[in-house]
PDB file of N, CA and C in Angstrom:
ATOM      1  N   MET A   1      23.230  17.215 135.187  1.00  0.00           N
ATOM      2  CA  MET A   1      23.721  17.688 136.368  1.00  0.00           C
ATOM      3  C   MET A   1      25.423  17.499 136.765  1.00  0.00           C
ATOM      4  N   THR A   2      26.182  18.339 137.368  1.00  0.00           N
ATOM      5  CA  THR A   2      27.055  18.242 137.654  1.00  0.00           C
ATOM      6  C   THR A   2      27.581  17.918 139.279  1.00  0.00           C
ATOM      7  N   SER A   3      28.346  16.977 139.637  1.00  0.00           N
ATOM      8  CA  SER A   3      28.355  16.749 140.868  1.00  0.00           C
ATOM      9  C   SER A   3      29.416  17.982 141.639  1.00  0.00           C
ATOM     10  N   GLU A   4      29.874  18.834 140.886  1.00  0.00           N
ATOM     11  CA  GLU A   4      30.280  19.987 141.759  1.00  0.00           C
ATOM     12  C   GLU A   4      29.315  21.102 141.858  1.00  0.00           C
ATOM     13  N   HIS A   5      30.039  21.559 142.822  1.00  0.00           N
ATOM     14  CA  HIS A   5      28.805  22.658 143.499  1.00  0.00           C
ATOM     15  C   HIS A   5      29.065  24.224 142.638  1.00  0.00           C
ATOM     16  N   ARG A   6      28.026  24.772 142.293  1.00  0.00           N
ATOM     17  CA  ARG A   6      28.066  25.894 141.487  1.00  0.00           C
ATOM     18  C   ARG A   6      28.132  27.056 142.471  1.00  0.00           C
ATOM     19  N   ILE A   7      27.843  27.165 143.510  1.00  0.00           N
ATOM     20  CA  ILE A   7      27.538  28.032 144.807  1.00  0.00           C
ATOM     21  C   ILE A   7      28.445  27.473 146.120  1.00  0.00           C
ATOM     22  N   SER A   8      29.597  28.320 146.534  1.00  0.00           N
ATOM     23  CA  SER A   8      29.943  27.821 147.767  1.00  0.00           C
ATOM     24  C   SER A   8      29.245  27.601 148.806  1.00  0.00           C
ATOM     25  N   LEU A   9      29.438  26.820 150.079  1.00  0.00           N
ATOM     26  CA  LEU A   9      28.493  26.736 151.184  1.00  0.00           C
ATOM     27  C   LEU A   9      28.595  28.242 151.936  1.00  0.00           C
ATOM     28  N   ASP A  10      29.826  29.052 151.983  1.00  0.00           N
ATOM     29  CA  ASP A  10      29.468  29.932 152.523  1.00  0.00           C
ATOM     30  C   ASP A  10      28.760  30.978 151.574  1.00  0.00           C
ATOM     31  N   GLU A  11      28.765  30.879 150.426  1.00  0.00           N
ATOM     32  CA  GLU A  11      27.264  31.855 149.740  1.00  0.00           C
ATOM     33  C   GLU A  11      25.978  31.387 150.128  1.00  0.00           C
ATOM     34  N   THR A  12      25.601  30.212 150.201  1.00  0.00           N
ATOM     35  CA  THR A  12      24.589  29.556 150.615  1.00  0.00           C
ATOM     36  C   THR A  12      24.546  30.004 152.097  1.00  0.00           C
ATOM     37  N   ARG A  13      25.295  30.265 153.163  1.00  0.00           N
ATOM     38  CA  ARG A  13      25.097  30.655 154.514  1.00  0.00           C
ATOM     39  C   ARG A  13      24.318  32.434 153.802  1.00  0.00           C
ATOM     40  N   HIS A  14      25.271  32.602 153.431  1.00  0.00           N
ATOM     41  CA  HIS A  14      24.808  34.385 153.092  1.00  0.00           C
ATOM     42  C   HIS A  14      23.571  34.792 152.600  1.00  0.00           C
ATOM     43  N   VAL A  15      23.164  33.801 151.624  1.00  0.00           N
ATOM     44  CA  VAL A  15      21.803  33.765 151.138  1.00  0.00           C
ATOM     45  C   VAL A  15      20.738  33.359 152.318  1.00  0.00           C
ATOM     46  N   ALA A  16      21.129  32.839 153.107  1.00  0.00           N
ATOM     47  CA  ALA A  16      20.351  32.106 154.170  1.00  0.00           C
ATOM     48  C   ALA A  16      20.180  33.077 154.859  1.00  0.00           C
ATOM     49  N   ARG A  17      21.088  33.986 155.457  1.00  0.00           N
ATOM     50  CA  ARG A  17      21.284  35.160 156.135  1.00  0.00           C
ATOM     51  C   ARG A  17      20.251  36.438 155.936  1.00  0.00           C
ATOM     52  N   LEU A  18      20.637  36.560 154.428  1.00  0.00           N
ATOM     53  CA  LEU A  18      19.720  37.562 153.873  1.00  0.00           C
ATOM     54  C   LEU A  18      18.610  37.464 153.673  1.00  0.00           C
ATOM     55  N   SER A  19      18.370  35.924 153.635  1.00  0.00           N
ATOM     56  CA  SER A  19      16.639  35.545 153.567  1.00  0.00           C
ATOM     57  C   SER A  19      16.148  35.668 154.973  1.00  0.00           C
ATOM     58  N   LYS A  20      16.760  35.844 155.729  1.00  0.00           N
ATOM     59  CA  LYS A  20      16.629  35.668 157.565  1.00  0.00           C
ATOM     60  C   LYS A  20      16.029  34.284 157.899  1.00  0.00           C
ATOM     61  N   LEU A  21      16.800  33.105 157.238  1.00  0.00           N
ATOM     62  CA  LEU A  21      16.388  31.943 157.422  1.00  0.00           C
ATOM     63  C   LEU A  21      17.532  30.976 158.381  1.00  0.00           C
ATOM     64  N   ASP A  22      16.924  30.427 159.065  1.00  0.00           N
ATOM     65  CA  ASP A  22      18.034  29.859 160.206  1.00  0.00           C
ATOM     66  C   ASP A  22      18.051  28.389 159.912  1.00  0.00           C
ATOM     67  N   TYR A  23      19.424  27.748 159.342  1.00  0.00           N
ATOM     68  CA  TYR A  23      19.230  26.141 159.281  1.00  0.00           C
ATOM     69  C   TYR A  23      20.290  25.995 159.794  1.00  0.00           C
ATOM     70  N   SER A  24      20.055  24.244 160.150  1.00  0.00           N
ATOM     71  CA  SER A  24      21.459  23.394 160.390  1.00  0.00           C
ATOM     72  C   SER A  24      22.333  23.646 159.754  1.00  0.00           C
ATOM     73  N   GLU A  25      23.700  22.807 159.873  1.00  0.00           N
ATOM     74  CA  GLU A  25      24.798  22.825 158.870  1.00  0.00           C
ATOM     75  C   GLU A  25      24.137  21.825 158.154  1.00  0.00           C
ATOM     76  N   ALA A  26      23.519  20.782 158.457  1.00  0.00           N
ATOM     77  CA  ALA A  26      23.026  20.024 157.327  1.00  0.00           C
ATOM     78  C   ALA A  26      22.086  20.382 156.396  1.00  0.00           C
ATOM     79  N   GLU A  27      21.099  21.131 157.055  1.00  0.00           N
ATOM     80  CA  GLU A  27      20.127  21.853 155.890  1.00  0.00           C
ATOM     81  C   GLU A  27      21.017  22.414 154.963  1.00  0.00           C
ATOM     82  N   LEU A  28      21.983  23.327 155.640  1.00  0.00           N
ATOM     83  CA  LEU A  28      22.711  24.251 154.680  1.00  0.00           C
ATOM     84  C   LEU A  28      23.140  23.460 153.682  1.00  0.00           C
ATOM     85  N   LYS A  29      24.074  22.096 153.985  1.00  0.00           N
ATOM     86  CA  LYS A  29      24.452  21.321 152.885  1.00  0.00           C
ATOM     87  C   LYS A  29      23.739  20.966 151.719  1.00  0.00           C
ATOM     88  N   GLU A  30      22.526  20.786 152.235  1.00  0.00           N
ATOM     89  CA  GLU A  30      21.097  20.187 151.688  1.00  0.00           C
ATOM     90  C   GLU A  30      20.796  21.307 150.317  1.00  0.00           C
ATOM     91  N   LEU A  31      20.639  22.487 150.917  1.00  0.00           N
ATOM     92  CA  LEU A  31      20.064  23.762 150.521  1.00  0.00           C
ATOM     93  C   LEU A  31      21.426  24.213 149.326  1.00  0.00           C
ATOM     94  N   ASN A  32      22.698  23.754 149.664  1.00  0.00           N
ATOM     95  CA  ASN A  32      23.728  24.221 149.081  1.00  0.00           C
ATOM     96  C   ASN A  32      23.577  23.256 147.749  1.00  0.00           C
ATOM     97  N   LEU A  33      23.392  21.990 147.653  1.00  0.00           N
ATOM     98  CA  LEU A  33      23.162  21.188 146.796  1.00  0.00           C
ATOM     99  C   LEU A  33      22.083  21.494 146.008  1.00  0.00           C
ATOM    100  N   GLU A  34      21.077  21.851 146.382  1.00  0.00           N
ATOM    101  CA  GLU A  34      19.534  22.251 145.533  1.00  0.00           C
ATOM    102  C   GLU A  34      20.039  23.464 145.040  1.00  0.00           C
ATOM    103  N   MET A  35      20.355  24.590 145.675  1.00  0.00           N
ATOM    104  CA  MET A  35      20.983  25.859 144.725  1.00  0.00           C
ATOM    105  C   MET A  35      21.930  25.394 143.646  1.00  0.00           C
ATOM    106  N   SER A  36      22.632  24.569 143.774  1.00  0.00           N
ATOM    107  CA  SER A  36      23.609  24.055 142.722  1.00  0.00           C
ATOM    108  C   SER A  36      23.229  23.535 141.596  1.00  0.00           C
ATOM    109  N   ARG A  37      21.914  22.741 142.109  1.00  0.00           N
ATOM    110  CA  ARG A  37      21.352  22.066 140.851  1.00  0.00           C
ATOM    111  C   ARG A  37      20.264  23.067 140.426  1.00  0.00           C
ATOM    112  N   ILE A  38      19.874  23.833 141.001  1.00  0.00           N
ATOM    113  CA  ILE A  38      18.908  24.797 140.185  1.00  0.00           C
ATOM    114  C   ILE A  38      19.911  25.941 139.410  1.00  0.00           C
ATOM    115  N   LEU A  39      21.020  26.150 139.443  1.00  0.00           N
ATOM    116  CA  LEU A  39      21.866  27.068 138.755  1.00  0.00           C
ATOM    117  C   LEU A  39      22.647  26.014 137.591  1.00  0.00           C
ATOM    118  N   ASP A  40      22.665  24.855 137.770  1.00  0.00           N
ATOM    119  CA  ASP A  40      22.882  23.834 136.808  1.00  0.00           C
ATOM    120  C   ASP A  40      21.819  23.963 135.425  1.00  0.00           C
ATOM    121  N   THR A  41      20.659  23.986 136.120  1.00  0.00           N
ATOM    122  CA  THR A  41      19.492  24.023 135.270  1.00  0.00           C
ATOM    123  C   THR A  41      19.267  24.966 134.343  1.00  0.00           C
ATOM    124  N   VAL A  42      19.382  26.393 135.382  1.00  0.00           N
ATOM    125  CA  VAL A  42      19.266  27.841 134.398  1.00  0.00           C
ATOM    126  C   VAL A  42      20.626  27.672 133.286  1.00  0.00           C
ATOM    127  N   SER A  43      21.550  26.995 133.716  1.00  0.00           N
ATOM    128  CA  SER A  43      22.883  27.348 133.104  1.00  0.00           C
ATOM    129  C   SER A  43      22.331  26.734 131.308  1.00  0.00           C
ATOM    130  N   LYS A  44      21.418  25.770 131.462  1.00  0.00           N
ATOM    131  CA  LYS A  44      21.390  25.613 130.009  1.00  0.00           C
ATOM    132  C   LYS A  44      20.931  26.403 129.297  1.00  0.00           C
ATOM    133  N   LEU A  45      20.418  27.444 129.666  1.00  0.00           N
ATOM    134  CA  LEU A  45      20.003  28.494 128.870  1.00  0.00           C
ATOM    135  C   LEU A  45      21.017  28.899 128.117  1.00  0.00           C
ATOM    136  N   ASP A  46      22.318  29.241 128.681  1.00  0.00           N
ATOM    137  CA  ASP A  46      23.405  29.552 128.053  1.00  0.00           C
ATOM    138  C   ASP A  46      23.617  28.749 126.327  1.00  0.00           C
ATOM    139  N   ASN A  47      23.012  27.810 126.409  1.00  0.00           N
ATOM    140  CA  ASN A  47      22.820  26.817 124.918  1.00  0.00           C
ATOM    141  C   ASN A  47      22.066  27.127 124.195  1.00  0.00           C
ATOM    142  N   VAL A  48      20.847  27.847 124.298  1.00  0.00           N
ATOM    143  CA  VAL A  48      19.639  28.070 123.727  1.00  0.00           C
ATOM    144  C   VAL A  48      20.193  29.019 122.498  1.00  0.00           C
ATOM    145  N   PRO A  49      19.806  28.542 120.828  1.00  0.00           N
ATOM    146  CA  PRO A  49      20.524  29.544 120.134  1.00  0.00           C
ATOM    147  C   PRO A  49      19.320  30.674 119.903  1.00  0.00           C
ATOM    148  N   VAL A  50      19.617  32.015 120.322  1.00  0.00           N
ATOM    149  CA  VAL A  50      19.010  33.358 120.268  1.00  0.00           C
ATOM    150  C   VAL A  50      19.447  33.812 118.893  1.00  0.00           C
ATOM    151  N   GLU A  51      20.179  33.593 118.111  1.00  0.00           N
ATOM    152  CA  GLU A  51      20.982  34.582 117.313  1.00  0.00           C
ATOM    153  C   GLU A  51      19.748  34.596 116.134  1.00  0.00           C
ATOM    154  N   GLY A  52      19.418  36.065 116.128  1.00  0.00           N
ATOM    155  CA  GLY A  52      18.449  36.539 115.162  1.00  0.00           C
ATOM    156  C   GLY A  52      16.987  36.689 115.554  1.00  0.00           C
ATOM    157  N   LEU A  53      16.751  36.412 116.729  1.00  0.00           N
ATOM    158  CA  LEU A  53      15.262  36.012 117.143  1.00  0.00           C
ATOM    159  C   LEU A  53      15.150  37.752 118.097  1.00  0.00           C
ATOM    160  N   GLU A  54      13.865  38.327 117.633  1.00  0.00           N
ATOM    161  CA  GLU A  54      13.732  39.516 117.694  1.00  0.00           C
ATOM    162  C   GLU A  54      13.287  39.346 119.478  1.00  0.00           C
ATOM    163  N   ALA A  55      13.242  40.553 120.311  1.00  0.00           N
ATOM    164  CA  ALA A  55      13.274  40.337 121.539  1.00  0.00           C
ATOM    165  C   ALA A  55      11.682  40.453 121.758  1.00  0.00           C
ATOM    166  N   THR A  56      10.945  39.766 122.955  1.00  0.00           N
ATOM    167  CA  THR A  56       9.619  39.847 123.025  1.00  0.00           C
ATOM    168  C   THR A  56       9.252  40.422 124.193  1.00  0.00           C
ATOM    169  N   LEU A  57       8.100  41.186 124.332  1.00  0.00           N
ATOM    170  CA  LEU A  57       7.949  42.126 125.406  1.00  0.00           C
ATOM    171  C   LEU A  57       6.887  41.321 125.912  1.00  0.00           C
ATOM    172  N   ALA A  58       5.778  40.585 125.403  1.00  0.00           N
ATOM    173  CA  ALA A  58       5.132  39.647 126.059  1.00  0.00           C
ATOM    174  C   ALA A  58       4.806  38.187 125.719  1.00  0.00           C
ATOM    175  N   VAL A  59       4.391  37.355 126.234  1.00  0.00           N
ATOM    176  CA  VAL A  59       4.392  36.300 125.747  1.00  0.00           C
ATOM    177  C   VAL A  59       2.830  35.608 125.525  1.00  0.00           C
ATOM    178  N   GLY A  60       2.301  35.030 124.745  1.00  0.00           N
ATOM    179  CA  GLY A  60       0.610  34.468 124.887  1.00  0.00           C
ATOM    180  C   GLY A  60      -0.211  35.505 124.341  1.00  0.00           C
ATOM    181  N   ALA A  61      -1.305  35.146 123.866  1.00  0.00           N
ATOM    182  CA  ALA A  61      -2.247  35.540 123.246  1.00  0.00           C
ATOM    183  C   ALA A  61      -3.041  36.420 124.167  1.00  0.00           C
ATOM    184  N   TYR A  62      -3.091  36.621 125.418  1.00  0.00           N
ATOM    185  CA  TYR A  62      -3.630  37.173 126.100  1.00  0.00           C
ATOM    186  C   TYR A  62      -2.836  38.349 126.776  1.00  0.00           C
ATOM    187  N   ALA A  63      -1.899  38.963 126.467  1.00  0.00           N
ATOM    188  CA  ALA A  63      -0.809  40.133 126.972  1.00  0.00           C
ATOM    189  C   ALA A  63      -2.197  41.493 127.001  1.00  0.00           C
ATOM    190  N   ASN A  64      -1.933  42.123 127.817  1.00  0.00           N
ATOM    191  CA  ASN A  64      -3.007  43.505 128.183  1.00  0.00           C
ATOM    192  C   ASN A  64      -4.489  43.405 127.406  1.00  0.00           C
ATOM    193  N   ARG A  65      -4.912  42.268 128.068  1.00  0.00           N
ATOM    194  CA  ARG A  65      -6.353  41.944 128.034  1.00  0.00           C
ATOM    195  C   ARG A  65      -6.915  42.789 129.454  1.00  0.00           C
ATOM    196  N   PHE A  66      -7.685  43.686 129.059  1.00  0.00           N
ATOM    197  CA  PHE A  66      -7.993  44.332 130.079  1.00  0.00           C
ATOM    198  C   PHE A  66      -9.700  44.184 129.874  1.00  0.00           C
ATOM    199  N   ARG A  67     -10.457  44.020 131.213  1.00  0.00           N
ATOM    200  CA  ARG A  67     -12.115  44.214 131.218  1.00  0.00           C
ATOM    201  C   ARG A  67     -12.521  45.199 131.573  1.00  0.00           C
ATOM    202  N   GLU A  68     -13.743  45.513 131.587  1.00  0.00           N
ATOM    203  CA  GLU A  68     -14.343  47.003 131.611  1.00  0.00           C
ATOM    204  C   GLU A  68     -14.459  46.648 133.610  1.00  0.00           C
ATOM    205  N   ASP A  69     -14.113  48.138 133.769  1.00  0.00           N
ATOM    206  CA  ASP A  69     -14.592  47.937 135.270  1.00  0.00           C
ATOM    207  C   ASP A  69     -15.912  48.205 135.712  1.00  0.00           C
ATOM    208  N   GLN A  70     -16.532  47.162 136.797  1.00  0.00           N
ATOM    209  CA  GLN A  70     -17.739  47.379 136.911  1.00  0.00           C
ATOM    210  C   GLN A  70     -17.957  47.510 138.271  1.00  0.00           C
ATOM    211  N   VAL A  71     -18.828  48.515 138.760  1.00  0.00           N
ATOM    212  CA  VAL A  71     -18.822  49.062 140.300  1.00  0.00           C
ATOM    213  C   VAL A  71     -19.855  47.654 140.880  1.00  0.00           C
ATOM    214  N   GLY A  72     -19.092  47.685 142.360  1.00  0.00           N
ATOM    215  CA  GLY A  72     -19.790  46.332 143.029  1.00  0.00           C
ATOM    216  C   GLY A  72     -19.837  47.225 144.504  1.00  0.00           C
ATOM    217  N   GLU A  73     -20.304  46.478 145.431  1.00  0.00           N
ATOM    218  CA  GLU A  73     -20.569  46.462 146.718  1.00  0.00           C
ATOM    219  C   GLU A  73     -19.486  47.058 147.055  1.00  0.00           C
ATOM    220  N   CYS A  74     -19.581  48.111 147.907  1.00  0.00           N
ATOM    221  CA  CYS A  74     -18.532  48.807 148.643  1.00  0.00           C
ATOM    222  C   CYS A  74     -18.710  48.381 150.233  1.00  0.00           C
ATOM    223  N   LEU A  75     -17.334  48.396 150.659  1.00  0.00           N
ATOM    224  CA  LEU A  75     -17.219  47.954 151.904  1.00  0.00           C
ATOM    225  C   LEU A  75     -17.261  49.094 152.936  1.00  0.00           C
ATOM    226  N   PRO A  76     -17.975  49.642 153.837  1.00  0.00           N
ATOM    227  CA  PRO A  76     -18.327  50.487 154.782  1.00  0.00           C
ATOM    228  C   PRO A  76     -16.984  51.074 155.068  1.00  0.00           C
ATOM    229  N   ARG A  77     -16.620  52.467 155.370  1.00  0.00           N
ATOM    230  CA  ARG A  77     -15.135  52.926 155.878  1.00  0.00           C
ATOM    231  C   ARG A  77     -14.963  52.410 157.177  1.00  0.00           C
ATOM    232  N   GLU A  78     -16.105  52.364 158.009  1.00  0.00           N
ATOM    233  CA  GLU A  78     -15.801  51.890 159.427  1.00  0.00           C
ATOM    234  C   GLU A  78     -15.332  50.481 159.403  1.00  0.00           C
ATOM    235  N   LYS A  79     -15.889  49.663 158.569  1.00  0.00           N
ATOM    236  CA  LYS A  79     -15.259  48.244 158.486  1.00  0.00           C
ATOM    237  C   LYS A  79     -14.115  47.957 157.980  1.00  0.00           C
ATOM    238  N   ALA A  80     -13.748  48.887 157.061  1.00  0.00           N
ATOM    239  CA  ALA A  80     -12.624  48.611 156.503  1.00  0.00           C
ATOM    240  C   ALA A  80     -11.281  49.075 157.097  1.00  0.00           C
ATOM    241  N   LEU A  81     -11.643  49.970 158.170  1.00  0.00           N
ATOM    242  CA  LEU A  81     -10.902  50.623 158.969  1.00  0.00           C
ATOM    243  C   LEU A  81     -10.876  49.905 160.138  1.00  0.00           C
ATOM    244  N   ALA A  82     -11.761  48.809 160.639  1.00  0.00           N
ATOM    245  CA  ALA A  82     -11.820  48.426 162.072  1.00  0.00           C
ATOM    246  C   ALA A  82     -10.820  47.658 162.397  1.00  0.00           C
ATOM    247  N   ASN A  83      -9.733  46.926 161.440  1.00  0.00           N
ATOM    248  CA  ASN A  83      -8.658  45.889 161.867  1.00  0.00           C
ATOM    249  C   ASN A  83      -7.736  46.744 161.503  1.00  0.00           C
ATOM    250  N   ALA A  84      -7.343  48.043 161.202  1.00  0.00           N
ATOM    251  CA  ALA A  84      -6.085  48.649 160.739  1.00  0.00           C
ATOM    252  C   ALA A  84      -5.455  49.049 162.029  1.00  0.00           C
ATOM    253  N   PRO A  85      -4.290  49.054 162.170  1.00  0.00           N
ATOM    254  CA  PRO A  85      -3.246  49.148 162.650  1.00  0.00           C
ATOM    255  C   PRO A  85      -3.112  50.678 163.825  1.00  0.00           C
ATOM    256  N   SER A  86      -3.360  51.646 162.832  1.00  0.00           N
ATOM    257  CA  SER A  86      -3.883  52.997 162.713  1.00  0.00           C
ATOM    258  C   SER A  86      -4.560  53.702 162.002  1.00  0.00           C
ATOM    259  N   SER A  87      -5.386  54.719 162.252  1.00  0.00           N
ATOM    260  CA  SER A  87      -6.055  55.149 160.859  1.00  0.00           C
ATOM    261  C   SER A  87      -6.248  56.766 161.524  1.00  0.00           C
ATOM    262  N   ARG A  88      -6.391  57.772 160.313  1.00  0.00           N
ATOM    263  CA  ARG A  88      -6.547  58.906 161.021  1.00  0.00           C
ATOM    264  C   ARG A  88      -7.563  59.651 159.651  1.00  0.00           C
ATOM    265  N   ASP A  89      -8.444  60.449 160.507  1.00  0.00           N
ATOM    266  CA  ASP A  89      -9.540  61.143 159.294  1.00  0.00           C
ATOM    267  C   ASP A  89      -9.929  60.144 158.455  1.00  0.00           C
ATOM    268  N   GLY A  90     -10.485  58.774 158.761  1.00  0.00           N
ATOM    269  CA  GLY A  90     -10.957  58.028 158.005  1.00  0.00           C
ATOM    270  C   GLY A  90     -10.265  57.364 157.086  1.00  0.00           C
ATOM    271  N   SER A  91      -8.911  57.307 157.052  1.00  0.00           N
ATOM    272  CA  SER A  91      -8.065  56.753 156.142  1.00  0.00           C
ATOM    273  C   SER A  91      -6.741  56.016 156.783  1.00  0.00           C
ATOM    274  N   PHE A  92      -6.361  54.776 156.384  1.00  0.00           N
ATOM    275  CA  PHE A  92      -5.286  54.213 156.686  1.00  0.00           C
ATOM    276  C   PHE A  92      -4.184  55.286 156.875  1.00  0.00           C
ATOM    277  N   GLU A  93      -3.445  54.886 158.068  1.00  0.00           N
ATOM    278  CA  GLU A  93      -2.572  55.806 158.521  1.00  0.00           C
ATOM    279  C   GLU A  93      -1.160  54.470 158.550  1.00  0.00           C
ATOM    280  N   ILE A  94      -0.375  55.174 157.826  1.00  0.00           N
ATOM    281  CA  ILE A  94       1.263  54.062 157.672  1.00  0.00           C
ATOM    282  C   ILE A  94       2.401  54.753 158.265  1.00  0.00           C
ATOM    283  N   PRO A  95       3.134  54.068 158.392  1.00  0.00           N
ATOM    284  CA  PRO A  95       4.554  54.649 158.811  1.00  0.00           C
ATOM    285  C   PRO A  95       5.118  55.480 157.983  1.00  0.00           C
ATOM    286  N   ARG A  96       6.083  56.696 158.468  1.00  0.00           N
ATOM    287  CA  ARG A  96       6.931  57.165 157.089  1.00  0.00           C
ATOM    288  C   ARG A  96       7.848  56.215 157.277  1.00  0.00           C
ATOM    289  N   ILE A  97       8.415  55.769 155.781  1.00  0.00           N
ATOM    290  CA  ILE A  97       9.485  55.129 155.760  1.00  0.00           C
ATOM    291  C   ILE A  97      10.537  56.132 154.828  1.00  0.00           C
ATOM    292  N   ILE A  98      10.358  56.987 154.529  1.00  0.00           N
ATOM    293  CA  ILE A  98      11.368  58.186 153.926  1.00  0.00           C
ATOM    294  C   ILE A  98      11.157  59.116 154.674  1.00  0.00           C
ATOM    295  N   SER A  99      12.512  59.940 155.363  1.00  0.00           N
ATOM    296  CA  SER A  99      12.445  60.736 156.472  1.00  0.00           C
ATOM    297  C   SER A  99      12.568  61.838 155.248  1.00  0.00           C
ATOM    298  N   LYS A 100      12.280  63.394 155.875  1.00  0.00           N
ATOM    299  CA  LYS A 100      12.317  64.540 155.195  1.00  0.00           C
ATOM    300  C   LYS A 100      13.595  64.924 154.825  1.00  0.00           C
ATOM    301  N   ILE A 101      13.813  65.179 153.503  1.00  0.00           N
ATOM    302  CA  ILE A 101      15.586  65.707 153.294  1.00  0.00           C
ATOM    303  C   ILE A 101      15.413  67.367 153.748  1.00  0.00           C
ATOM    304  N   GLU A 102      16.047  67.602 154.556  1.00  0.00           N
ATOM    305  CA  GLU A 102      16.247  68.810 154.777  1.00  0.00           C
ATOM    306  C   GLU A 102      17.649  69.661 153.979  1.00  0.00           C
TER     307      GLU A 102
END
């Protein structure tokens, strides 16, 4: 690891602000050090020899292992909707997040 910070304190503040996290100045300095250490560790991947290796879409022998669907006990509609903030016609009602384009 290096004693040099890979990320500036201002960049750390920016990441905290984007994450809607509020840190004291001391906490920001500690977070900055931790983020720099993480970036140091990840940068070691630059030294891994990958020439001639084929790209892998999935790792492990269990990729795309599916089980058969099994019908089980269903929750009654009224009970499923009981704690919903809003429902209409027996369905969950969610707020529109995309406005209509005209």
